[in-house]
Amino acid sequence: MADTVKNAEPTRRDFLFIATGTAAAIGTACTVWPFISSLAPDANTIALGAPVEVDLAPIAEGQIVKVFWRDTLIFIRHRTKEEIEAAENVDVATLIDPQPDDQRVKKGHEQWLIVFGNCTHLGCVPNGHEGPYKGWHCPCHGSVFDTSGRVRVGPAPSNLPVPEYKFMSDTQIVIGVADEAPAPAA
């Protein structure tokens, strides 16, 4: 009986096959990767359209913070009880752009007012906690907004707009995402 057992040690030919296969796999990956990565949106596109998460916990009562979403200024105001009462007790019929306070805030989160931070007249940035209503005052042309962001005096034709946002928890919001509509009653 002849010994028919093959040599189990790797040969030079085995090494060449493995090296060639590895080089081909790396070359293919290097060739395909730019095509795959070109399908993803660039950083500017993501920054312009992506929702932004904001932690409300560090915002003190009475404080206004500024954030940017889609290159647009957003005011987040942690309203005091007095500011909420003042905003709720306004005769809506006397407003330039009539809108009740409860349509500008989320139910159960009345202390948080989130509005775009540019005057609706010419896009200036109004100063917070100023004017007779202690809301915002636009120093450029004199528009005055109350603690609900509603225009009360001046050339601004409308209230500070409210962006789409939703509460993820009592202290976390996402700007750029609309609340889901409640399910219709059966």
N, C-alpha and C. Protein backbone atom coordinates (compact mmCIF):
# COMPACT_ATOMS: atom_id res chain seq x y z
N MET A 1 0.82 -1.16 0.00
CA MET A 1 0.00 0.00 0.00
C MET A 1 0.88 1.24 0.00
N ALA A 2 0.61 2.09 -0.93
CA ALA A 2 1.44 3.28 -1.07
C ALA A 2 0.90 4.39 -0.17
N ASP A 3 1.80 5.18 0.26
CA ASP A 3 1.42 6.31 1.11
C ASP A 3 0.85 7.43 0.23
N THR A 4 -0.47 7.68 0.32
CA THR A 4 -1.12 8.68 -0.53
C THR A 4 -1.48 9.96 0.21
N VAL A 5 -0.96 10.15 1.36
CA VAL A 5 -1.26 11.35 2.14
C VAL A 5 -0.51 12.52 1.53
N LYS A 6 -1.26 13.63 1.27
CA LYS A 6 -0.64 14.82 0.70
C LYS A 6 0.04 15.63 1.80
N ASN A 7 0.93 16.46 1.39
CA ASN A 7 1.62 17.33 2.31
C ASN A 7 0.64 18.41 2.76
N ALA A 8 0.37 18.55 4.06
CA ALA A 8 -0.61 19.48 4.59
C ALA A 8 -0.01 20.87 4.81
N GLU A 9 1.23 21.04 4.60
CA GLU A 9 1.86 22.34 4.80
C GLU A 9 1.51 23.27 3.63
N PRO A 10 1.31 24.61 3.95
CA PRO A 10 0.99 25.54 2.87
C PRO A 10 2.16 25.66 1.88
N THR A 11 1.79 25.83 0.65
CA THR A 11 2.80 25.97 -0.39
C THR A 11 2.88 27.43 -0.82
N ARG A 12 3.85 27.68 -1.66
CA ARG A 12 4.00 29.02 -2.19
C ARG A 12 2.78 29.41 -3.03
N ARG A 13 2.22 28.46 -3.72
CA ARG A 13 1.03 28.71 -4.53
C ARG A 13 -0.16 29.10 -3.65
N ASP A 14 -0.34 28.46 -2.48
CA ASP A 14 -1.41 28.82 -1.54
C ASP A 14 -1.24 30.27 -1.08
N PHE A 15 -0.03 30.65 -0.75
CA PHE A 15 0.23 32.01 -0.31
C PHE A 15 -0.14 33.01 -1.41
N LEU A 16 0.22 32.71 -2.64
CA LEU A 16 -0.09 33.61 -3.75
C LEU A 16 -1.60 33.74 -3.97
N PHE A 17 -2.34 32.64 -3.84
CA PHE A 17 -3.80 32.70 -3.96
C PHE A 17 -4.41 33.59 -2.87
N ILE A 18 -3.99 33.43 -1.64
CA ILE A 18 -4.51 34.21 -0.52
C ILE A 18 -4.14 35.68 -0.69
N ALA A 19 -2.90 35.96 -1.04
CA ALA A 19 -2.45 37.34 -1.22
C ALA A 19 -3.20 38.01 -2.36
N THR A 20 -3.39 37.31 -3.47
CA THR A 20 -4.11 37.87 -4.61
C THR A 20 -5.58 38.12 -4.26
N GLY A 21 -6.22 37.20 -3.56
CA GLY A 21 -7.62 37.37 -3.14
C GLY A 21 -7.78 38.55 -2.19
N THR A 22 -6.85 38.70 -1.26
CA THR A 22 -6.89 39.82 -0.31
C THR A 22 -6.72 41.14 -1.04
N ALA A 23 -5.76 41.21 -1.94
CA ALA A 23 -5.52 42.43 -2.70
C ALA A 23 -6.74 42.78 -3.56
N ALA A 24 -7.39 41.79 -4.15
CA ALA A 24 -8.58 42.03 -4.97
C ALA A 24 -9.74 42.54 -4.11
N ALA A 25 -9.91 41.97 -2.92
CA ALA A 25 -10.99 42.41 -2.03
C ALA A 25 -10.76 43.85 -1.57
N ILE A 26 -9.53 44.18 -1.22
CA ILE A 26 -9.22 45.55 -0.79
C ILE A 26 -9.39 46.52 -1.95
N GLY A 27 -8.95 46.14 -3.12
CA GLY A 27 -9.10 47.00 -4.30
C GLY A 27 -10.56 47.23 -4.64
N THR A 28 -11.38 46.19 -4.56
CA THR A 28 -12.81 46.32 -4.83
C THR A 28 -13.46 47.25 -3.81
N ALA A 29 -13.12 47.07 -2.53
CA ALA A 29 -13.69 47.92 -1.48
C ALA A 29 -13.28 49.38 -1.69
N CYS A 30 -12.03 49.62 -2.04
CA CYS A 30 -11.56 50.99 -2.28
C CYS A 30 -12.22 51.61 -3.50
N THR A 31 -12.58 50.80 -4.48
CA THR A 31 -13.24 51.30 -5.67
C THR A 31 -14.72 51.58 -5.42
N VAL A 32 -15.38 50.71 -4.68
CA VAL A 32 -16.82 50.82 -4.46
C VAL A 32 -17.15 51.86 -3.38
N TRP A 33 -16.30 52.04 -2.37
CA TRP A 33 -16.60 52.93 -1.25
C TRP A 33 -16.97 54.36 -1.68
N PRO A 34 -16.24 55.01 -2.58
CA PRO A 34 -16.65 56.37 -2.97
C PRO A 34 -18.05 56.43 -3.58
N PHE A 35 -18.43 55.39 -4.31
CA PHE A 35 -19.77 55.36 -4.90
C PHE A 35 -20.84 55.24 -3.82
N ILE A 36 -20.59 54.40 -2.84
CA ILE A 36 -21.56 54.21 -1.75
C ILE A 36 -21.65 55.48 -0.91
N SER A 37 -20.50 56.07 -0.58
CA SER A 37 -20.53 57.28 0.26
C SER A 37 -21.14 58.47 -0.48
N SER A 38 -21.10 58.48 -1.80
CA SER A 38 -21.71 59.59 -2.54
C SER A 38 -23.23 59.56 -2.46
N LEU A 39 -23.81 58.45 -2.08
CA LEU A 39 -25.26 58.36 -1.94
C LEU A 39 -25.77 59.03 -0.67
N ALA A 40 -24.92 59.21 0.32
CA ALA A 40 -25.31 59.83 1.59
C ALA A 40 -25.32 61.36 1.43
N PRO A 41 -26.23 62.04 2.14
CA PRO A 41 -26.25 63.51 2.07
C PRO A 41 -25.01 64.09 2.75
N ASP A 42 -24.56 65.25 2.27
CA ASP A 42 -23.38 65.86 2.87
C ASP A 42 -23.75 66.53 4.20
N ALA A 43 -22.73 66.96 4.94
CA ALA A 43 -22.94 67.51 6.28
C ALA A 43 -23.81 68.76 6.26
N ASN A 44 -23.67 69.61 5.25
CA ASN A 44 -24.49 70.82 5.16
C ASN A 44 -25.97 70.49 4.98
N THR A 45 -26.25 69.50 4.18
CA THR A 45 -27.64 69.08 3.97
C THR A 45 -28.22 68.53 5.26
N ILE A 46 -27.46 67.72 5.94
CA ILE A 46 -27.93 67.17 7.21
C ILE A 46 -28.17 68.29 8.21
N ALA A 47 -27.23 69.23 8.30
CA ALA A 47 -27.37 70.32 9.25
C ALA A 47 -28.57 71.20 8.94
N LEU A 48 -28.90 71.37 7.68
CA LEU A 48 -30.01 72.23 7.31
C LEU A 48 -31.38 71.61 7.57
N GLY A 49 -31.46 70.30 7.51
CA GLY A 49 -32.78 69.71 7.61
C GLY A 49 -33.00 68.81 8.80
N ALA A 50 -31.97 68.46 9.51
CA ALA A 50 -32.11 67.52 10.60
C ALA A 50 -32.78 68.16 11.81
N PRO A 51 -33.64 67.42 12.47
CA PRO A 51 -34.21 67.94 13.71
C PRO A 51 -33.11 68.15 14.74
N VAL A 52 -33.36 69.05 15.68
CA VAL A 52 -32.40 69.32 16.74
C VAL A 52 -33.04 69.02 18.08
N GLU A 53 -32.31 68.29 18.92
CA GLU A 53 -32.78 67.95 20.26
C GLU A 53 -32.27 69.00 21.24
N VAL A 54 -33.13 69.40 22.17
CA VAL A 54 -32.76 70.40 23.17
C VAL A 54 -33.14 69.88 24.55
N ASP A 55 -32.18 69.93 25.46
CA ASP A 55 -32.41 69.57 26.85
C ASP A 55 -32.87 70.82 27.58
N LEU A 56 -34.08 70.79 28.11
CA LEU A 56 -34.66 71.94 28.77
C LEU A 56 -34.28 72.04 30.25
N ALA A 57 -33.75 70.98 30.81
CA ALA A 57 -33.46 70.93 32.25
C ALA A 57 -32.60 72.09 32.75
N PRO A 58 -31.54 72.49 32.04
CA PRO A 58 -30.71 73.57 32.59
C PRO A 58 -31.28 74.98 32.40
N ILE A 59 -32.41 75.13 31.73
CA ILE A 59 -32.97 76.46 31.48
C ILE A 59 -33.77 76.89 32.71
N ALA A 60 -33.31 77.95 33.35
CA ALA A 60 -33.96 78.44 34.57
C ALA A 60 -35.28 79.13 34.26
N GLU A 61 -36.18 79.12 35.22
CA GLU A 61 -37.47 79.80 35.05
C GLU A 61 -37.21 81.28 34.78
N GLY A 62 -37.87 81.81 33.76
CA GLY A 62 -37.69 83.20 33.36
C GLY A 62 -36.59 83.42 32.33
N GLN A 63 -35.83 82.39 32.03
CA GLN A 63 -34.70 82.51 31.10
C GLN A 63 -35.14 82.25 29.66
N ILE A 64 -34.47 82.92 28.73
CA ILE A 64 -34.67 82.70 27.29
C ILE A 64 -33.35 82.21 26.73
N VAL A 65 -33.36 81.08 26.04
CA VAL A 65 -32.15 80.60 25.37
C VAL A 65 -32.37 80.62 23.87
N LYS A 66 -31.27 80.68 23.15
CA LYS A 66 -31.31 80.72 21.70
C LYS A 66 -30.65 79.47 21.16
N VAL A 67 -31.31 78.82 20.21
CA VAL A 67 -30.73 77.68 19.50
C VAL A 67 -30.92 77.92 18.01
N PHE A 68 -30.20 77.18 17.20
CA PHE A 68 -30.35 77.30 15.76
C PHE A 68 -30.85 75.98 15.19
N TRP A 69 -31.81 76.07 14.30
CA TRP A 69 -32.33 74.93 13.55
C TRP A 69 -32.52 75.40 12.11
N ARG A 70 -31.93 74.67 11.17
CA ARG A 70 -31.97 75.04 9.75
C ARG A 70 -31.45 76.46 9.54
N ASP A 71 -30.39 76.81 10.22
CA ASP A 71 -29.78 78.14 10.15
C ASP A 71 -30.75 79.25 10.56
N THR A 72 -31.73 78.92 11.35
CA THR A 72 -32.71 79.90 11.80
C THR A 72 -32.70 79.96 13.32
N LEU A 73 -32.77 81.17 13.85
CA LEU A 73 -32.77 81.38 15.30
C LEU A 73 -34.10 80.95 15.90
N ILE A 74 -34.02 80.21 17.01
CA ILE A 74 -35.21 79.79 17.76
C ILE A 74 -35.04 80.28 19.20
N PHE A 75 -36.09 80.89 19.75
CA PHE A 75 -36.11 81.28 21.16
C PHE A 75 -36.84 80.19 21.94
N ILE A 76 -36.25 79.76 23.05
CA ILE A 76 -36.92 78.85 23.98
C ILE A 76 -37.03 79.62 25.30
N ARG A 77 -38.25 79.88 25.70
CA ARG A 77 -38.49 80.69 26.90
C ARG A 77 -39.15 79.82 27.97
N HIS A 78 -38.53 79.78 29.15
CA HIS A 78 -39.11 79.10 30.31
C HIS A 78 -39.91 80.15 31.07
N ARG A 79 -41.20 80.18 30.82
CA ARG A 79 -42.05 81.24 31.34
C ARG A 79 -42.37 81.01 32.82
N THR A 80 -42.47 82.12 33.54
CA THR A 80 -42.88 82.09 34.94
C THR A 80 -44.40 82.00 35.00
N LYS A 81 -44.93 81.72 36.19
CA LYS A 81 -46.40 81.68 36.36
C LYS A 81 -47.01 83.03 36.00
N GLU A 82 -46.34 84.11 36.37
CA GLU A 82 -46.84 85.44 36.07
C GLU A 82 -46.88 85.69 34.56
N GLU A 83 -45.85 85.25 33.85
CA GLU A 83 -45.80 85.42 32.40
C GLU A 83 -46.90 84.60 31.72
N ILE A 84 -47.15 83.40 32.22
CA ILE A 84 -48.20 82.55 31.65
C ILE A 84 -49.57 83.19 31.89
N GLU A 85 -49.80 83.67 33.12
CA GLU A 85 -51.08 84.32 33.42
C GLU A 85 -51.29 85.57 32.57
N ALA A 86 -50.24 86.36 32.41
CA ALA A 86 -50.35 87.57 31.59
C ALA A 86 -50.69 87.21 30.15
N ALA A 87 -50.09 86.15 29.63
CA ALA A 87 -50.35 85.73 28.24
C ALA A 87 -51.76 85.16 28.08
N GLU A 88 -52.25 84.46 29.10
CA GLU A 88 -53.58 83.85 29.02
C GLU A 88 -54.71 84.86 29.22
N ASN A 89 -54.44 85.93 29.94
CA ASN A 89 -55.48 86.90 30.28
C ASN A 89 -55.56 88.08 29.32
N VAL A 90 -55.21 87.86 28.08
CA VAL A 90 -55.27 88.92 27.07
C VAL A 90 -56.56 88.76 26.28
N ASP A 91 -57.21 89.87 26.01
CA ASP A 91 -58.38 89.86 25.15
C ASP A 91 -57.87 89.68 23.72
N VAL A 92 -58.06 88.50 23.18
CA VAL A 92 -57.51 88.14 21.88
C VAL A 92 -58.01 89.08 20.78
N ALA A 93 -59.18 89.64 20.95
CA ALA A 93 -59.75 90.54 19.94
C ALA A 93 -58.94 91.83 19.80
N THR A 94 -58.13 92.17 20.81
CA THR A 94 -57.33 93.40 20.76
C THR A 94 -55.98 93.19 20.07
N LEU A 95 -55.66 91.97 19.68
CA LEU A 95 -54.34 91.67 19.12
C LEU A 95 -54.29 91.94 17.62
N ILE A 96 -53.12 92.32 17.14
CA ILE A 96 -52.90 92.54 15.71
C ILE A 96 -53.07 91.24 14.94
N ASP A 97 -52.54 90.15 15.49
CA ASP A 97 -52.66 88.81 14.91
C ASP A 97 -53.29 87.93 16.00
N PRO A 98 -54.64 87.88 16.06
CA PRO A 98 -55.31 87.20 17.17
C PRO A 98 -54.99 85.71 17.24
N GLN A 99 -54.45 85.31 18.38
CA GLN A 99 -54.17 83.90 18.61
C GLN A 99 -54.08 83.69 20.12
N PRO A 100 -54.90 82.81 20.67
CA PRO A 100 -54.83 82.56 22.11
C PRO A 100 -53.51 81.87 22.48
N ASP A 101 -53.11 82.07 23.73
CA ASP A 101 -51.85 81.50 24.20
C ASP A 101 -51.83 79.99 24.10
N ASP A 102 -52.97 79.34 24.36
CA ASP A 102 -52.98 77.87 24.35
C ASP A 102 -52.76 77.27 22.97
N GLN A 103 -52.85 78.06 21.91
CA GLN A 103 -52.54 77.57 20.56
C GLN A 103 -51.06 77.74 20.23
N ARG A 104 -50.31 78.39 21.11
CA ARG A 104 -48.90 78.67 20.86
C ARG A 104 -47.98 77.80 21.71
N VAL A 105 -48.54 77.05 22.65
CA VAL A 105 -47.77 76.17 23.53
C VAL A 105 -48.40 74.79 23.52
N LYS A 106 -47.67 73.81 24.03
CA LYS A 106 -48.20 72.44 24.11
C LYS A 106 -48.93 72.25 25.44
N LYS A 107 -50.08 71.60 25.37
CA LYS A 107 -50.88 71.34 26.56
C LYS A 107 -50.04 70.53 27.57
N GLY A 108 -50.08 70.98 28.80
CA GLY A 108 -49.30 70.34 29.86
C GLY A 108 -47.88 70.87 29.97
N HIS A 109 -47.47 71.69 29.00
CA HIS A 109 -46.12 72.28 29.00
C HIS A 109 -46.22 73.79 28.76
N GLU A 110 -47.20 74.42 29.40
CA GLU A 110 -47.46 75.84 29.16
C GLU A 110 -46.29 76.74 29.55
N GLN A 111 -45.41 76.24 30.40
CA GLN A 111 -44.27 77.06 30.83
C GLN A 111 -43.22 77.20 29.72
N TRP A 112 -43.30 76.41 28.68
CA TRP A 112 -42.30 76.45 27.59
C TRP A 112 -42.90 77.09 26.35
N LEU A 113 -42.30 78.18 25.92
CA LEU A 113 -42.69 78.83 24.67
C LEU A 113 -41.52 78.68 23.71
N ILE A 114 -41.77 78.08 22.56
CA ILE A 114 -40.74 77.90 21.53
C ILE A 114 -41.23 78.64 20.28
N VAL A 115 -40.46 79.67 19.86
CA VAL A 115 -40.83 80.49 18.71
C VAL A 115 -39.58 80.80 17.87
N PHE A 116 -39.82 81.12 16.59
CA PHE A 116 -38.73 81.60 15.75
C PHE A 116 -38.28 82.94 16.31
N GLY A 117 -36.98 83.22 16.22
CA GLY A 117 -36.40 84.39 16.86
C GLY A 117 -36.19 85.59 15.98
N ASN A 118 -36.94 85.74 14.92
CA ASN A 118 -36.79 86.90 14.06
C ASN A 118 -38.12 87.64 13.96
N CYS A 119 -38.04 88.96 14.03
CA CYS A 119 -39.22 89.81 13.93
C CYS A 119 -39.89 89.55 12.58
N THR A 120 -41.21 89.53 12.59
CA THR A 120 -41.95 89.25 11.36
C THR A 120 -42.07 90.48 10.47
N HIS A 121 -41.47 91.59 10.87
CA HIS A 121 -41.49 92.79 10.03
C HIS A 121 -40.38 92.69 8.99
N LEU A 122 -39.13 92.78 9.43
CA LEU A 122 -38.00 92.71 8.49
C LEU A 122 -36.93 91.69 8.89
N GLY A 123 -37.25 90.83 9.85
CA GLY A 123 -36.32 89.75 10.21
C GLY A 123 -35.27 90.12 11.24
N CYS A 124 -35.40 91.25 11.90
CA CYS A 124 -34.44 91.64 12.95
C CYS A 124 -34.58 90.68 14.13
N VAL A 125 -33.61 90.69 15.03
CA VAL A 125 -33.67 89.85 16.22
C VAL A 125 -34.11 90.72 17.40
N PRO A 126 -35.32 90.47 17.92
CA PRO A 126 -35.79 91.27 19.05
C PRO A 126 -35.09 90.88 20.35
N ASN A 127 -35.03 91.83 21.28
CA ASN A 127 -34.41 91.61 22.59
C ASN A 127 -35.46 91.08 23.55
N GLY A 128 -35.09 90.07 24.32
CA GLY A 128 -36.01 89.47 25.28
C GLY A 128 -36.13 90.26 26.56
N HIS A 129 -37.26 90.06 27.26
CA HIS A 129 -37.57 90.70 28.55
C HIS A 129 -37.62 92.21 28.43
N GLU A 130 -38.01 92.71 27.27
CA GLU A 130 -38.07 94.16 27.07
C GLU A 130 -39.46 94.55 26.59
N GLY A 131 -39.72 95.84 26.64
CA GLY A 131 -40.99 96.38 26.18
C GLY A 131 -42.02 96.36 27.30
N PRO A 132 -43.15 96.98 27.07
CA PRO A 132 -44.17 97.10 28.11
C PRO A 132 -44.79 95.75 28.52
N TYR A 133 -44.67 94.73 27.68
CA TYR A 133 -45.26 93.43 27.99
C TYR A 133 -44.22 92.42 28.46
N LYS A 134 -42.98 92.89 28.58
CA LYS A 134 -41.84 92.07 29.05
C LYS A 134 -41.65 90.80 28.22
N GLY A 135 -42.04 90.87 26.95
CA GLY A 135 -41.82 89.76 26.04
C GLY A 135 -40.55 90.02 25.25
N TRP A 136 -40.72 90.60 24.04
CA TRP A 136 -39.59 90.96 23.20
C TRP A 136 -39.84 92.34 22.62
N HIS A 137 -38.77 93.06 22.35
CA HIS A 137 -38.85 94.36 21.72
C HIS A 137 -37.84 94.39 20.59
N CYS A 138 -38.30 94.77 19.39
CA CYS A 138 -37.41 94.87 18.25
C CYS A 138 -36.86 96.29 18.21
N PRO A 139 -35.58 96.47 18.48
CA PRO A 139 -35.02 97.82 18.56
C PRO A 139 -34.93 98.53 17.21
N CYS A 140 -34.99 97.78 16.13
CA CYS A 140 -34.83 98.39 14.80
C CYS A 140 -36.04 99.22 14.39
N HIS A 141 -37.24 98.67 14.56
CA HIS A 141 -38.43 99.35 14.07
C HIS A 141 -39.53 99.46 15.11
N GLY A 142 -39.28 98.97 16.32
CA GLY A 142 -40.21 99.20 17.42
C GLY A 142 -41.31 98.19 17.64
N SER A 143 -41.30 97.07 16.98
CA SER A 143 -42.33 96.07 17.25
C SER A 143 -42.17 95.53 18.66
N VAL A 144 -43.31 95.27 19.31
CA VAL A 144 -43.31 94.76 20.68
C VAL A 144 -44.12 93.47 20.69
N PHE A 145 -43.55 92.44 21.33
CA PHE A 145 -44.19 91.13 21.44
C PHE A 145 -44.39 90.81 22.92
N ASP A 146 -45.48 90.11 23.25
CA ASP A 146 -45.74 89.75 24.65
C ASP A 146 -45.06 88.44 25.01
N THR A 147 -45.35 87.90 26.20
CA THR A 147 -44.69 86.68 26.69
C THR A 147 -45.18 85.42 25.98
N SER A 148 -46.08 85.59 25.03
CA SER A 148 -46.51 84.48 24.19
C SER A 148 -45.98 84.65 22.76
N GLY A 149 -45.17 85.69 22.54
CA GLY A 149 -44.60 85.94 21.22
C GLY A 149 -45.59 86.56 20.25
N ARG A 150 -46.68 87.11 20.79
CA ARG A 150 -47.70 87.74 19.93
C ARG A 150 -47.37 89.22 19.77
N VAL A 151 -47.50 89.72 18.54
CA VAL A 151 -47.22 91.13 18.28
C VAL A 151 -48.31 91.97 18.92
N ARG A 152 -47.87 93.00 19.66
CA ARG A 152 -48.82 93.88 20.36
C ARG A 152 -48.76 95.29 19.82
N VAL A 153 -47.57 95.75 19.40
CA VAL A 153 -47.38 97.12 18.91
C VAL A 153 -46.34 97.07 17.80
N GLY A 154 -46.48 97.95 16.82
CA GLY A 154 -45.42 98.11 15.83
C GLY A 154 -45.77 97.64 14.45
N PRO A 155 -44.77 97.71 13.58
CA PRO A 155 -45.02 97.36 12.18
C PRO A 155 -45.05 95.86 11.89
N ALA A 156 -44.66 95.01 12.83
CA ALA A 156 -44.70 93.57 12.57
C ALA A 156 -46.14 93.15 12.27
N PRO A 157 -46.36 92.43 11.17
CA PRO A 157 -47.73 92.09 10.79
C PRO A 157 -48.27 90.84 11.48
N SER A 158 -47.37 90.01 12.05
CA SER A 158 -47.85 88.77 12.64
C SER A 158 -46.99 88.38 13.84
N ASN A 159 -47.48 87.40 14.58
CA ASN A 159 -46.80 86.89 15.76
C ASN A 159 -45.50 86.19 15.39
N LEU A 160 -44.62 86.01 16.38
CA LEU A 160 -43.44 85.19 16.15
C LEU A 160 -43.92 83.77 15.87
N PRO A 161 -43.56 83.18 14.74
CA PRO A 161 -44.07 81.86 14.40
C PRO A 161 -43.57 80.77 15.35
N VAL A 162 -44.38 79.76 15.52
CA VAL A 162 -44.04 78.60 16.35
C VAL A 162 -43.55 77.49 15.41
N PRO A 163 -42.32 76.98 15.60
CA PRO A 163 -41.84 75.91 14.74
C PRO A 163 -42.49 74.57 15.12
N GLU A 164 -42.34 73.60 14.25
CA GLU A 164 -42.79 72.25 14.59
C GLU A 164 -41.85 71.69 15.64
N TYR A 165 -42.40 71.17 16.72
CA TYR A 165 -41.59 70.54 17.76
C TYR A 165 -42.47 69.60 18.56
N LYS A 166 -41.82 68.70 19.27
CA LYS A 166 -42.57 67.82 20.17
C LYS A 166 -41.73 67.52 21.39
N PHE A 167 -42.42 67.21 22.46
CA PHE A 167 -41.77 66.85 23.71
C PHE A 167 -41.48 65.35 23.70
N MET A 168 -40.22 65.01 23.95
CA MET A 168 -39.84 63.60 24.08
C MET A 168 -40.01 63.17 25.54
N SER A 169 -39.84 64.12 26.45
CA SER A 169 -40.06 63.93 27.88
C SER A 169 -40.36 65.32 28.45
N ASP A 170 -40.49 65.43 29.76
CA ASP A 170 -40.77 66.73 30.36
C ASP A 170 -39.62 67.71 30.19
N THR A 171 -38.41 67.20 29.95
CA THR A 171 -37.25 68.09 29.85
C THR A 171 -36.50 67.94 28.52
N GLN A 172 -37.10 67.31 27.54
CA GLN A 172 -36.43 67.08 26.25
C GLN A 172 -37.40 67.37 25.11
N ILE A 173 -36.98 68.24 24.17
CA ILE A 173 -37.79 68.50 22.99
C ILE A 173 -36.97 68.22 21.74
N VAL A 174 -37.69 68.01 20.66
CA VAL A 174 -37.07 67.88 19.34
C VAL A 174 -37.72 68.92 18.44
N ILE A 175 -36.91 69.85 17.94
CA ILE A 175 -37.42 70.89 17.04
C ILE A 175 -37.24 70.39 15.62
N GLY A 176 -38.27 70.51 14.81
CA GLY A 176 -38.22 70.04 13.43
C GLY A 176 -39.02 68.77 13.21
N VAL A 177 -39.73 68.35 14.25
CA VAL A 177 -40.56 67.15 14.17
C VAL A 177 -41.94 67.51 14.72
N ALA A 178 -42.95 67.24 13.93
CA ALA A 178 -44.33 67.58 14.36
C ALA A 178 -44.85 66.54 15.32
N ASP A 179 -45.70 66.98 16.24
CA ASP A 179 -46.43 66.05 17.09
C ASP A 179 -47.31 65.18 16.21
N GLU A 180 -47.46 63.94 16.60
CA GLU A 180 -48.38 63.07 15.87
C GLU A 180 -49.80 63.51 16.20
N ALA A 181 -50.63 63.50 15.21
CA ALA A 181 -52.04 63.85 15.43
C ALA A 181 -52.69 62.77 16.26
N PRO A 182 -53.59 63.14 17.15
CA PRO A 182 -54.28 62.11 17.95
C PRO A 182 -55.13 61.22 17.05
N ALA A 183 -55.26 59.99 17.45
CA ALA A 183 -56.06 59.03 16.67
C ALA A 183 -57.52 59.46 16.69
N PRO A 184 -58.22 59.34 15.55
CA PRO A 184 -59.63 59.74 15.53
C PRO A 184 -60.45 58.83 16.44
N ALA A 185 -61.50 59.43 17.02
CA ALA A 185 -62.38 58.65 17.91
C ALA A 185 -63.15 57.63 17.09
N ALA A 186 -63.32 56.47 17.69
CA ALA A 186 -64.01 55.39 16.98
C ALA A 186 -65.50 55.48 17.17
